[in-house]
Amino acid sequence: MTLDVVNQQNEKVGSVDLRDEVFGGRVNTDLIWESVVRENAGRRRGTHATKNRALVSGSGKKPWRQKGTGRARVGEIRNPLWRKGGTVFGPQPRSYEYAMPRKAERGALRAALVQKLGERALIVVDALAASEIRTRAAVEMLRTLGAEGKTLLVDVTPDEKLALAVRNVAGVKLVPSGRVTARDVADATRVIATRGALERLQEALGAQS
């Protein structure tokens, strides 16, 4: 299987071979889902907190003596049974991050790329670079390449000028090929990758199949 390679003016300048072990399999949507959920969990701030009986304000003095009053025994007004008392087993700051097997992560990324290829949403360009830091020029280039909605740009080493030009464009994300994830690909409407980035991805993903 081959895929056309275009330049930044959307003119065909060549083609790239797609490996069957990378792009020839089925789309494992369950694996993509697991990878997206894992990354979303890792991005959670986890700063939620509730006050226990040691943290709520109030006196620690015993309100009344233990016996002889006819009332229920109580140790302090901050106890969880009372109004404005502490919370029992409430959420505390923690990390939601967890790990997935590396082979599963690579498989999810491979499935996400296959899905974009089937949707004709994967575009390969010879290079992604900007001659100057101009957002308008970068947006025009993306429009020429057929980028609509959320767009993921993938390069081996992202061009610094292009990164500065697109950083304020809503829905556009530029990532190096070594750090792209299944969530990045699945979240994008269009994936634009350089020939070098696609070859790097094929090498990495083909070795894991």
C-alpha atoms as a PDB file:
ATOM      1  CA  MET A   1       0.000   0.000   0.000  1.00  0.00           C
ATOM      2  CA  THR A   2       1.266   3.458  -0.861  1.00  0.00           C
ATOM      3  CA  LEU A   3       0.198   6.936   0.139  1.00  0.00           C
ATOM      4  CA  ASP A   4       0.763  10.137  -1.783  1.00  0.00           C
ATOM      5  CA  VAL A   5       3.220  12.682  -0.421  1.00  0.00           C
ATOM      6  CA  VAL A   6       2.385  16.330  -1.048  1.00  0.00           C
ATOM      7  CA  ASN A   7       4.171  19.585  -0.438  1.00  0.00           C
ATOM      8  CA  GLN A   8       2.828  22.535   1.522  1.00  0.00           C
ATOM      9  CA  GLN A   9       0.991  23.714  -1.597  1.00  0.00           C
ATOM     10  CA  ASN A  10      -0.872  20.360  -1.665  1.00  0.00           C
ATOM     11  CA  GLU A  11       0.912  19.254  -4.841  1.00  0.00           C
ATOM     12  CA  LYS A  12       1.952  15.638  -5.179  1.00  0.00           C
ATOM     13  CA  VAL A  13       5.728  15.242  -4.975  1.00  0.00           C
ATOM     14  CA  GLY A  14       6.079  11.512  -4.356  1.00  0.00           C
ATOM     15  CA  SER A  15       4.722   8.548  -2.423  1.00  0.00           C
ATOM     16  CA  VAL A  16       5.518   6.564   0.699  1.00  0.00           C
ATOM     17  CA  ASP A  17       5.134   2.837   1.269  1.00  0.00           C
ATOM     18  CA  LEU A  18       2.914   1.763   4.162  1.00  0.00           C
ATOM     19  CA  ARG A  19       3.897  -1.423   5.950  1.00  0.00           C
ATOM     20  CA  ASP A  20       1.267  -4.127   6.145  1.00  0.00           C
ATOM     21  CA  GLU A  21       2.233  -5.015   9.721  1.00  0.00           C
ATOM     22  CA  VAL A  22       1.410  -1.437  10.758  1.00  0.00           C
ATOM     23  CA  PHE A  23      -1.462  -0.359   8.496  1.00  0.00           C
ATOM     24  CA  GLY A  24      -2.802  -3.726   7.420  1.00  0.00           C
ATOM     25  CA  GLY A  25      -4.540  -4.759  10.633  1.00  0.00           C
ATOM     26  CA  ARG A  26      -8.041  -4.123  11.912  1.00  0.00           C
ATOM     27  CA  VAL A  27      -8.990  -1.135  14.022  1.00  0.00           C
ATOM     28  CA  ASN A  28      -9.026  -2.216  17.665  1.00  0.00           C
ATOM     29  CA  THR A  29     -11.331   0.436  19.099  1.00  0.00           C
ATOM     30  CA  ASP A  30     -11.254  -1.153  22.560  1.00  0.00           C
ATOM     31  CA  LEU A  31      -7.497  -0.671  22.736  1.00  0.00           C
ATOM     32  CA  ILE A  32      -7.810   2.955  21.626  1.00  0.00           C
ATOM     33  CA  TRP A  33     -10.431   3.519  24.323  1.00  0.00           C
ATOM     34  CA  GLU A  34      -8.197   2.044  27.028  1.00  0.00           C
ATOM     35  CA  SER A  35      -5.281   4.248  25.992  1.00  0.00           C
ATOM     36  CA  VAL A  36      -7.434   7.398  25.902  1.00  0.00           C
ATOM     37  CA  VAL A  37      -8.912   6.665  29.338  1.00  0.00           C
ATOM     38  CA  ARG A  38      -5.432   6.069  30.780  1.00  0.00           C
ATOM     39  CA  GLU A  39      -4.094   9.357  29.410  1.00  0.00           C
ATOM     40  CA  ASN A  40      -7.167  11.275  30.574  1.00  0.00           C
ATOM     41  CA  ALA A  41      -6.740   9.802  34.044  1.00  0.00           C
ATOM     42  CA  GLY A  42      -3.099  10.845  34.121  1.00  0.00           C
ATOM     43  CA  ARG A  43      -4.076  14.413  33.263  1.00  0.00           C
ATOM     44  CA  ARG A  44      -6.462  14.738  36.190  1.00  0.00           C
ATOM     45  CA  ARG A  45      -5.264  17.245  38.767  1.00  0.00           C
ATOM     46  CA  GLY A  46      -6.491  15.201  41.712  1.00  0.00           C
ATOM     47  CA  THR A  47      -6.501  18.215  44.055  1.00  0.00           C
ATOM     48  CA  HIS A  48      -9.890  17.453  45.622  1.00  0.00           C
ATOM     49  CA  ALA A  49      -9.891  17.403  49.413  1.00  0.00           C
ATOM     50  CA  THR A  50     -12.347  17.245  52.295  1.00  0.00           C
ATOM     51  CA  LYS A  51     -11.735  18.153  55.927  1.00  0.00           C
ATOM     52  CA  ASN A  52     -11.712  15.399  58.505  1.00  0.00           C
ATOM     53  CA  ARG A  53     -12.346  15.947  62.199  1.00  0.00           C
ATOM     54  CA  ALA A  54      -8.764  17.065  62.688  1.00  0.00           C
ATOM     55  CA  LEU A  55      -9.043  19.830  60.070  1.00  0.00           C
ATOM     56  CA  VAL A  56     -12.459  21.408  60.645  1.00  0.00           C
ATOM     57  CA  SER A  57     -12.617  24.448  62.894  1.00  0.00           C
ATOM     58  CA  GLY A  58     -14.017  24.118  66.399  1.00  0.00           C
ATOM     59  CA  SER A  59     -13.016  23.312  69.926  1.00  0.00           C
ATOM     60  CA  GLY A  60     -11.637  19.980  70.981  1.00  0.00           C
ATOM     61  CA  LYS A  61     -13.149  20.323  74.426  1.00  0.00           C
ATOM     62  CA  LYS A  62     -15.692  17.756  75.555  1.00  0.00           C
ATOM     63  CA  PRO A  63     -19.094  19.568  75.445  1.00  0.00           C
ATOM     64  CA  TRP A  64     -20.434  17.862  78.586  1.00  0.00           C
ATOM     65  CA  ARG A  65     -19.461  15.142  80.959  1.00  0.00           C
ATOM     66  CA  GLN A  66     -19.630  11.540  79.863  1.00  0.00           C
ATOM     67  CA  LYS A  67     -22.375  10.357  82.243  1.00  0.00           C
ATOM     68  CA  GLY A  68     -25.276  11.709  84.197  1.00  0.00           C
ATOM     69  CA  THR A  69     -26.751  14.296  81.808  1.00  0.00           C
ATOM     70  CA  GLY A  70     -29.180  11.996  80.012  1.00  0.00           C
ATOM     71  CA  ARG A  71     -27.768  13.036  76.669  1.00  0.00           C
ATOM     72  CA  ALA A  72     -25.734  10.977  74.238  1.00  0.00           C
ATOM     73  CA  ARG A  73     -22.045  10.835  74.957  1.00  0.00           C
ATOM     74  CA  VAL A  74     -19.878  13.005  72.733  1.00  0.00           C
ATOM     75  CA  GLY A  75     -16.182  13.826  72.689  1.00  0.00           C
ATOM     76  CA  GLU A  76     -16.007  17.047  70.678  1.00  0.00           C
ATOM     77  CA  ILE A  77     -18.132  19.212  68.430  1.00  0.00           C
ATOM     78  CA  ARG A  78     -15.989  18.334  65.418  1.00  0.00           C
ATOM     79  CA  ASN A  79     -17.061  14.708  65.342  1.00  0.00           C
ATOM     80  CA  PRO A  80     -18.541  13.515  62.030  1.00  0.00           C
ATOM     81  CA  LEU A  81     -22.011  12.876  63.467  1.00  0.00           C
ATOM     82  CA  TRP A  82     -22.590  16.519  64.188  1.00  0.00           C
ATOM     83  CA  ARG A  83     -23.486  19.293  61.770  1.00  0.00           C
ATOM     84  CA  LYS A  84     -20.344  21.034  60.470  1.00  0.00           C
ATOM     85  CA  GLY A  85     -18.281  18.117  61.722  1.00  0.00           C
ATOM     86  CA  GLY A  86     -15.485  16.372  59.872  1.00  0.00           C
ATOM     87  CA  THR A  87     -16.010  14.159  56.827  1.00  0.00           C
ATOM     88  CA  VAL A  88     -15.332  10.443  57.126  1.00  0.00           C
ATOM     89  CA  PHE A  89     -13.301   8.822  54.335  1.00  0.00           C
ATOM     90  CA  GLY A  90     -13.731  11.821  52.026  1.00  0.00           C
ATOM     91  CA  PRO A  91     -11.642  12.296  48.875  1.00  0.00           C
ATOM     92  CA  GLN A  92      -8.059  13.388  49.434  1.00  0.00           C
ATOM     93  CA  PRO A  93      -5.428  14.677  46.967  1.00  0.00           C
ATOM     94  CA  ARG A  94      -4.018  11.819  44.929  1.00  0.00           C
ATOM     95  CA  SER A  95      -2.746  10.906  41.492  1.00  0.00           C
ATOM     96  CA  TYR A  96      -5.029   9.033  39.098  1.00  0.00           C
ATOM     97  CA  GLU A  97      -2.132   8.044  36.849  1.00  0.00           C
ATOM     98  CA  TYR A  98      -1.589   4.392  36.043  1.00  0.00           C
ATOM     99  CA  ALA A  99       0.475   2.512  33.495  1.00  0.00           C
ATOM    100  CA  MET A 100      -0.460   0.384  30.507  1.00  0.00           C
ATOM    101  CA  PRO A 101       1.804  -2.217  28.917  1.00  0.00           C
ATOM    102  CA  ARG A 102       4.033  -0.592  26.327  1.00  0.00           C
ATOM    103  CA  LYS A 103       2.922  -3.077  23.699  1.00  0.00           C
ATOM    104  CA  ALA A 104      -0.703  -2.133  24.340  1.00  0.00           C
ATOM    105  CA  GLU A 105       0.101   1.580  24.025  1.00  0.00           C
ATOM    106  CA  ARG A 106       1.850   0.988  20.716  1.00  0.00           C
ATOM    107  CA  GLY A 107      -1.052  -1.142  19.553  1.00  0.00           C
ATOM    108  CA  ALA A 108      -3.505   1.627  20.407  1.00  0.00           C
ATOM    109  CA  LEU A 109      -1.476   4.171  18.449  1.00  0.00           C
ATOM    110  CA  ARG A 110      -1.261   1.787  15.509  1.00  0.00           C
ATOM    111  CA  ALA A 111      -5.040   1.240  15.579  1.00  0.00           C
ATOM    112  CA  ALA A 112      -5.696   4.987  15.750  1.00  0.00           C
ATOM    113  CA  LEU A 113      -3.502   5.601  12.705  1.00  0.00           C
ATOM    114  CA  VAL A 114      -5.212   2.801  10.787  1.00  0.00           C
ATOM    115  CA  GLN A 115      -8.556   4.367  11.629  1.00  0.00           C
ATOM    116  CA  LYS A 116      -7.471   7.766  10.299  1.00  0.00           C
ATOM    117  CA  LEU A 117      -6.113   6.130   7.158  1.00  0.00           C
ATOM    118  CA  GLY A 118      -9.460   4.418   6.573  1.00  0.00           C
ATOM    119  CA  GLU A 119     -11.244   7.748   7.033  1.00  0.00           C
ATOM    120  CA  ARG A 120      -8.864   9.381   4.513  1.00  0.00           C
ATOM    121  CA  ALA A 121      -7.876  11.783   7.265  1.00  0.00           C
ATOM    122  CA  LEU A 122      -4.137  11.044   7.150  1.00  0.00           C
ATOM    123  CA  ILE A 123      -2.058  13.424   5.016  1.00  0.00           C
ATOM    124  CA  VAL A 124       1.659  13.008   4.394  1.00  0.00           C
ATOM    125  CA  VAL A 125       3.750  16.045   3.477  1.00  0.00           C
ATOM    126  CA  ASP A 126       7.383  16.300   2.553  1.00  0.00           C
ATOM    127  CA  ALA A 127       8.069  18.931   5.230  1.00  0.00           C
ATOM    128  CA  LEU A 128       6.324  21.079   7.826  1.00  0.00           C
ATOM    129  CA  ALA A 129       8.127  24.383   8.196  1.00  0.00           C
ATOM    130  CA  ALA A 130       7.466  28.102   8.246  1.00  0.00           C
ATOM    131  CA  SER A 131       9.714  30.779   6.780  1.00  0.00           C
ATOM    132  CA  GLU A 132       8.460  33.308   9.330  1.00  0.00           C
ATOM    133  CA  ILE A 133       6.462  33.420  12.523  1.00  0.00           C
ATOM    134  CA  ARG A 134       3.076  34.419  11.123  1.00  0.00           C
ATOM    135  CA  THR A 135      -0.122  32.799  12.311  1.00  0.00           C
ATOM    136  CA  ARG A 136      -2.043  33.916   9.231  1.00  0.00           C
ATOM    137  CA  ALA A 137       0.453  32.231   6.909  1.00  0.00           C
ATOM    138  CA  ALA A 138       0.343  29.032   8.978  1.00  0.00           C
ATOM    139  CA  VAL A 139      -3.470  28.971   8.909  1.00  0.00           C
ATOM    140  CA  GLU A 140      -3.438  29.477   5.147  1.00  0.00           C
ATOM    141  CA  MET A 141      -0.996  26.603   4.732  1.00  0.00           C
ATOM    142  CA  LEU A 142      -3.210  24.305   6.807  1.00  0.00           C
ATOM    143  CA  ARG A 143      -6.265  25.342   4.816  1.00  0.00           C
ATOM    144  CA  THR A 144      -4.408  24.531   1.587  1.00  0.00           C
ATOM    145  CA  LEU A 145      -3.609  21.078   2.933  1.00  0.00           C
ATOM    146  CA  GLY A 146      -7.278  20.484   3.673  1.00  0.00           C
ATOM    147  CA  ALA A 147      -7.085  20.759   7.441  1.00  0.00           C
ATOM    148  CA  GLU A 148     -10.549  21.129   8.934  1.00  0.00           C
ATOM    149  CA  GLY A 149     -11.467  21.223  12.597  1.00  0.00           C
ATOM    150  CA  LYS A 150      -8.981  19.729  15.021  1.00  0.00           C
ATOM    151  CA  THR A 151      -5.653  19.104  13.308  1.00  0.00           C
ATOM    152  CA  LEU A 152      -2.670  17.134  14.549  1.00  0.00           C
ATOM    153  CA  LEU A 153       0.725  18.004  13.056  1.00  0.00           C
ATOM    154  CA  VAL A 154       3.443  15.379  13.483  1.00  0.00           C
ATOM    155  CA  ASP A 155       7.103  15.880  12.682  1.00  0.00           C
ATOM    156  CA  VAL A 156      10.335  14.239  13.783  1.00  0.00           C
ATOM    157  CA  THR A 157      11.600  17.534  15.187  1.00  0.00           C
ATOM    158  CA  PRO A 158       8.938  20.261  15.025  1.00  0.00           C
ATOM    159  CA  ASP A 159       9.985  23.459  13.314  1.00  0.00           C
ATOM    160  CA  GLU A 160      10.363  26.188  15.936  1.00  0.00           C
ATOM    161  CA  LYS A 161       8.891  28.944  13.775  1.00  0.00           C
ATOM    162  CA  LEU A 162       5.901  26.814  12.839  1.00  0.00           C
ATOM    163  CA  ALA A 163       5.359  25.879  16.485  1.00  0.00           C
ATOM    164  CA  LEU A 164       5.225  29.552  17.428  1.00  0.00           C
ATOM    165  CA  ALA A 165       2.948  30.350  14.496  1.00  0.00           C
ATOM    166  CA  VAL A 166       0.303  27.724  15.330  1.00  0.00           C
ATOM    167  CA  ARG A 167       0.409  27.803  19.119  1.00  0.00           C
ATOM    168  CA  ASN A 168      -2.526  30.234  19.271  1.00  0.00           C
ATOM    169  CA  VAL A 169      -4.597  28.489  16.585  1.00  0.00           C
ATOM    170  CA  ALA A 170      -7.532  26.728  18.221  1.00  0.00           C
ATOM    171  CA  GLY A 171      -7.647  23.001  17.549  1.00  0.00           C
ATOM    172  CA  VAL A 172      -4.120  22.734  16.103  1.00  0.00           C
ATOM    173  CA  LYS A 173      -1.513  20.667  17.943  1.00  0.00           C
ATOM    174  CA  LEU A 174       2.100  20.106  16.885  1.00  0.00           C
ATOM    175  CA  VAL A 175       3.905  17.149  18.451  1.00  0.00           C
ATOM    176  CA  PRO A 176       7.124  15.238  17.725  1.00  0.00           C
ATOM    177  CA  SER A 177       6.724  11.728  16.344  1.00  0.00           C
ATOM    178  CA  GLY A 178       8.366  10.235  19.426  1.00  0.00           C
ATOM    179  CA  ARG A 179       5.679  11.624  21.742  1.00  0.00           C
ATOM    180  CA  VAL A 180       2.475  11.234  19.769  1.00  0.00           C
ATOM    181  CA  THR A 181      -0.195   9.149  21.488  1.00  0.00           C
ATOM    182  CA  ALA A 182      -3.378   7.366  20.486  1.00  0.00           C
ATOM    183  CA  ARG A 183      -5.372  10.112  22.213  1.00  0.00           C
ATOM    184  CA  ASP A 184      -3.711  12.769  20.043  1.00  0.00           C
ATOM    185  CA  VAL A 185      -4.606  10.891  16.878  1.00  0.00           C
ATOM    186  CA  ALA A 186      -8.125   9.908  17.900  1.00  0.00           C
ATOM    187  CA  ASP A 187      -8.965  13.447  19.047  1.00  0.00           C
ATOM    188  CA  ALA A 188      -7.976  15.018  15.717  1.00  0.00           C
ATOM    189  CA  THR A 189     -10.181  15.391  12.678  1.00  0.00           C
ATOM    190  CA  ARG A 190      -7.145  15.508  10.387  1.00  0.00           C
ATOM    191  CA  VAL A 191      -3.616  14.166  10.926  1.00  0.00           C
ATOM    192  CA  ILE A 192      -0.822  15.776   8.916  1.00  0.00           C
ATOM    193  CA  ALA A 193       2.530  14.026   9.251  1.00  0.00           C
ATOM    194  CA  THR A 194       5.828  14.499   7.494  1.00  0.00           C
ATOM    195  CA  ARG A 195       7.355  11.668   5.515  1.00  0.00           C
ATOM    196  CA  GLY A 196      10.140  11.342   8.088  1.00  0.00           C
ATOM    197  CA  ALA A 197       7.708  11.230  10.984  1.00  0.00           C
ATOM    198  CA  LEU A 198       5.594   8.540   9.313  1.00  0.00           C
ATOM    199  CA  GLU A 199       8.671   6.434   8.630  1.00  0.00           C
ATOM    200  CA  ARG A 200       9.779   6.784  12.256  1.00  0.00           C
ATOM    201  CA  LEU A 201       6.331   5.727  13.445  1.00  0.00           C
ATOM    202  CA  GLN A 202       6.324   2.733  11.108  1.00  0.00           C
ATOM    203  CA  GLU A 203       9.708   1.626  12.421  1.00  0.00           C
ATOM    204  CA  ALA A 204       8.605   1.923  16.044  1.00  0.00           C
ATOM    205  CA  LEU A 205       5.171   0.367  15.587  1.00  0.00           C
ATOM    206  CA  GLY A 206       6.313  -2.351  13.224  1.00  0.00           C
ATOM    207  CA  ALA A 207       8.849  -3.592  15.766  1.00  0.00           C
ATOM    208  CA  GLN A 208       6.053  -4.083  18.320  1.00  0.00           C
ATOM    209  CA  SER A 209       3.671  -6.033  16.135  1.00  0.00           C
END
